[in-house]
Amino acid sequence: MTPTYSVAISFGKDLGWLDYDAAAKAAEVHIANDTAKGHIEDFLHQKHTIGVPHDSLIDFTLVEIDPLADERSFELSITRLWEETGVSVDWSRPVDYIKAHPSY
């Protein structure tokens, strides 16, 4: 799998990352925690109804998202990962550093 999108994640003291391949419409979870990995895989294989904002902070439309459909859907869906699984998406953590050093 050649990822088109990678992002760092954490669960407790475990670090990892998600790889998304837009061509294959597939994601790989890389974390040394079976509980977190199972939660993420379940989350990514379910559709989710998400309030998508428009012109203001009070203007939302509910949209059903398939996390693996495309890169935009993947990125939007993982904004809700923490709420559903307790796994944090570490948007500002350099994913290449995590790939080289997957622990604290």
C-alpha atoms as a PDB file:
ATOM      1  CA  MET A   1       0.000   0.000   0.000  1.00  0.00           C
ATOM      2  CA  THR A   2       1.325   3.411  -0.952  1.00  0.00           C
ATOM      3  CA  PRO A   3      -0.246   5.910   1.421  1.00  0.00           C
ATOM      4  CA  THR A   4      -1.564   9.165   0.034  1.00  0.00           C
ATOM      5  CA  TYR A   5      -2.291  10.504   3.506  1.00  0.00           C
ATOM      6  CA  SER A   6      -0.587   9.757   6.828  1.00  0.00           C
ATOM      7  CA  VAL A   7      -1.310  11.174  10.256  1.00  0.00           C
ATOM      8  CA  ALA A   8       0.061  10.500  13.742  1.00  0.00           C
ATOM      9  CA  ILE A   9      -2.164   9.013  16.453  1.00  0.00           C
ATOM     10  CA  SER A  10      -1.837   8.209  20.139  1.00  0.00           C
ATOM     11  CA  PHE A  11      -3.675   6.098  22.676  1.00  0.00           C
ATOM     12  CA  GLY A  12      -2.492   6.484  26.245  1.00  0.00           C
ATOM     13  CA  LYS A  13       1.286   6.052  26.071  1.00  0.00           C
ATOM     14  CA  ASP A  14       1.195   4.334  22.685  1.00  0.00           C
ATOM     15  CA  LEU A  15       2.099   6.260  19.547  1.00  0.00           C
ATOM     16  CA  GLY A  16       1.293   5.266  15.991  1.00  0.00           C
ATOM     17  CA  TRP A  17      -0.055   6.476  12.693  1.00  0.00           C
ATOM     18  CA  LEU A  18      -2.746   5.930  10.098  1.00  0.00           C
ATOM     19  CA  ASP A  19      -1.984   5.498   6.411  1.00  0.00           C
ATOM     20  CA  TYR A  20      -4.731   6.059   3.858  1.00  0.00           C
ATOM     21  CA  ASP A  21      -4.439   4.938   0.230  1.00  0.00           C
ATOM     22  CA  ALA A  22      -6.962   6.793  -1.934  1.00  0.00           C
ATOM     23  CA  ALA A  23      -6.503   4.511  -4.953  1.00  0.00           C
ATOM     24  CA  ALA A  24      -7.251   1.376  -2.931  1.00  0.00           C
ATOM     25  CA  LYS A  25      -9.787   3.100  -0.656  1.00  0.00           C
ATOM     26  CA  ALA A  26      -8.058   1.418   2.276  1.00  0.00           C
ATOM     27  CA  ALA A  27      -6.349   2.400   5.491  1.00  0.00           C
ATOM     28  CA  GLU A  28      -3.694   0.749   7.610  1.00  0.00           C
ATOM     29  CA  VAL A  29      -3.448   1.273  11.348  1.00  0.00           C
ATOM     30  CA  HIS A  30       0.052   1.213  12.826  1.00  0.00           C
ATOM     31  CA  ILE A  31      -0.002   1.185  16.627  1.00  0.00           C
ATOM     32  CA  ALA A  32       1.342  -1.278  19.184  1.00  0.00           C
ATOM     33  CA  ASN A  33      -1.959  -1.457  21.055  1.00  0.00           C
ATOM     34  CA  ASP A  34      -4.460  -4.088  19.954  1.00  0.00           C
ATOM     35  CA  THR A  35      -7.373  -2.360  21.715  1.00  0.00           C
ATOM     36  CA  ALA A  36      -6.743   0.938  19.942  1.00  0.00           C
ATOM     37  CA  LYS A  37      -6.120  -0.798  16.625  1.00  0.00           C
ATOM     38  CA  GLY A  38      -9.414  -2.696  16.870  1.00  0.00           C
ATOM     39  CA  HIS A  39     -11.368   0.460  17.782  1.00  0.00           C
ATOM     40  CA  ILE A  40      -9.885   2.375  14.853  1.00  0.00           C
ATOM     41  CA  GLU A  41     -10.461  -0.409  12.332  1.00  0.00           C
ATOM     42  CA  ASP A  42     -14.091  -0.744  13.452  1.00  0.00           C
ATOM     43  CA  PHE A  43     -14.533   3.046  13.244  1.00  0.00           C
ATOM     44  CA  LEU A  44     -13.089   3.237   9.722  1.00  0.00           C
ATOM     45  CA  HIS A  45     -15.385   0.495   8.429  1.00  0.00           C
ATOM     46  CA  GLN A  46     -18.608   2.199   9.550  1.00  0.00           C
ATOM     47  CA  LYS A  47     -20.445   5.141   8.020  1.00  0.00           C
ATOM     48  CA  HIS A  48     -20.838   8.180  10.281  1.00  0.00           C
ATOM     49  CA  THR A  49     -23.256  11.087  10.287  1.00  0.00           C
ATOM     50  CA  ILE A  50     -21.249  14.257  10.808  1.00  0.00           C
ATOM     51  CA  GLY A  51     -22.341  17.888  11.064  1.00  0.00           C
ATOM     52  CA  VAL A  52     -20.367  19.676   8.350  1.00  0.00           C
ATOM     53  CA  PRO A  53     -20.014  23.465   8.855  1.00  0.00           C
ATOM     54  CA  HIS A  54     -20.727  26.012   6.132  1.00  0.00           C
ATOM     55  CA  ASP A  55     -20.694  29.796   6.329  1.00  0.00           C
ATOM     56  CA  SER A  56     -20.838  30.200  10.106  1.00  0.00           C
ATOM     57  CA  LEU A  57     -20.345  28.318  13.356  1.00  0.00           C
ATOM     58  CA  ILE A  58     -24.079  27.655  13.575  1.00  0.00           C
ATOM     59  CA  ASP A  59     -24.684  26.629   9.952  1.00  0.00           C
ATOM     60  CA  PHE A  60     -24.280  22.840   9.714  1.00  0.00           C
ATOM     61  CA  THR A  61     -25.578  20.125   7.441  1.00  0.00           C
ATOM     62  CA  LEU A  62     -25.671  16.502   8.575  1.00  0.00           C
ATOM     63  CA  VAL A  63     -23.788  14.384   6.054  1.00  0.00           C
ATOM     64  CA  GLU A  64     -23.232  10.642   6.014  1.00  0.00           C
ATOM     65  CA  ILE A  65     -19.521   9.936   5.606  1.00  0.00           C
ATOM     66  CA  ASP A  66     -17.863   6.701   4.527  1.00  0.00           C
ATOM     67  CA  PRO A  67     -14.340   7.121   5.986  1.00  0.00           C
ATOM     68  CA  LEU A  68     -12.632   5.095   3.257  1.00  0.00           C
ATOM     69  CA  ALA A  69     -14.453   6.613   0.262  1.00  0.00           C
ATOM     70  CA  ASP A  70     -11.844   9.300  -0.481  1.00  0.00           C
ATOM     71  CA  GLU A  71      -9.147  11.383   1.196  1.00  0.00           C
ATOM     72  CA  ARG A  72     -11.534  14.204   2.186  1.00  0.00           C
ATOM     73  CA  SER A  73     -13.945  11.729   3.811  1.00  0.00           C
ATOM     74  CA  PHE A  74     -11.073  10.006   5.609  1.00  0.00           C
ATOM     75  CA  GLU A  75      -9.751  13.290   6.962  1.00  0.00           C
ATOM     76  CA  LEU A  76     -13.204  14.520   7.991  1.00  0.00           C
ATOM     77  CA  SER A  77     -14.137  11.256   9.689  1.00  0.00           C
ATOM     78  CA  ILE A  78     -10.975  11.058  11.788  1.00  0.00           C
ATOM     79  CA  THR A  79     -11.817  14.458  13.286  1.00  0.00           C
ATOM     80  CA  ARG A  80     -14.380  12.423  15.258  1.00  0.00           C
ATOM     81  CA  LEU A  81     -12.036   9.537  16.149  1.00  0.00           C
ATOM     82  CA  TRP A  82     -11.344  10.756  19.706  1.00  0.00           C
ATOM     83  CA  GLU A  83     -15.049  10.994  20.580  1.00  0.00           C
ATOM     84  CA  GLU A  84     -15.787   7.482  19.345  1.00  0.00           C
ATOM     85  CA  THR A  85     -12.645   5.547  20.321  1.00  0.00           C
ATOM     86  CA  GLY A  86     -10.482   7.522  22.743  1.00  0.00           C
ATOM     87  CA  VAL A  87      -7.698   7.521  20.135  1.00  0.00           C
ATOM     88  CA  SER A  88      -6.233  10.975  19.547  1.00  0.00           C
ATOM     89  CA  VAL A  89      -5.281  12.194  16.092  1.00  0.00           C
ATOM     90  CA  ASP A  90      -2.079  14.161  16.624  1.00  0.00           C
ATOM     91  CA  TRP A  91      -2.481  16.639  13.777  1.00  0.00           C
ATOM     92  CA  SER A  92       0.567  18.712  14.709  1.00  0.00           C
ATOM     93  CA  ARG A  93       2.934  15.836  15.500  1.00  0.00           C
ATOM     94  CA  PRO A  94       5.282  15.081  12.566  1.00  0.00           C
ATOM     95  CA  VAL A  95       4.203  11.667  11.299  1.00  0.00           C
ATOM     96  CA  ASP A  96       7.645  10.900   9.860  1.00  0.00           C
ATOM     97  CA  TYR A  97       9.128  11.274  13.345  1.00  0.00           C
ATOM     98  CA  ILE A  98       6.525   8.855  14.769  1.00  0.00           C
ATOM     99  CA  LYS A  99       7.266   6.337  12.015  1.00  0.00           C
ATOM    100  CA  ALA A 100      10.938   6.436  13.015  1.00  0.00           C
ATOM    101  CA  HIS A 101      10.262   6.539  16.797  1.00  0.00           C
ATOM    102  CA  PRO A 102       6.893   4.903  17.546  1.00  0.00           C
ATOM    103  CA  SER A 103       7.162   5.237  21.326  1.00  0.00           C
ATOM    104  CA  TYR A 104       7.865   7.872  23.966  1.00  0.00           C
END
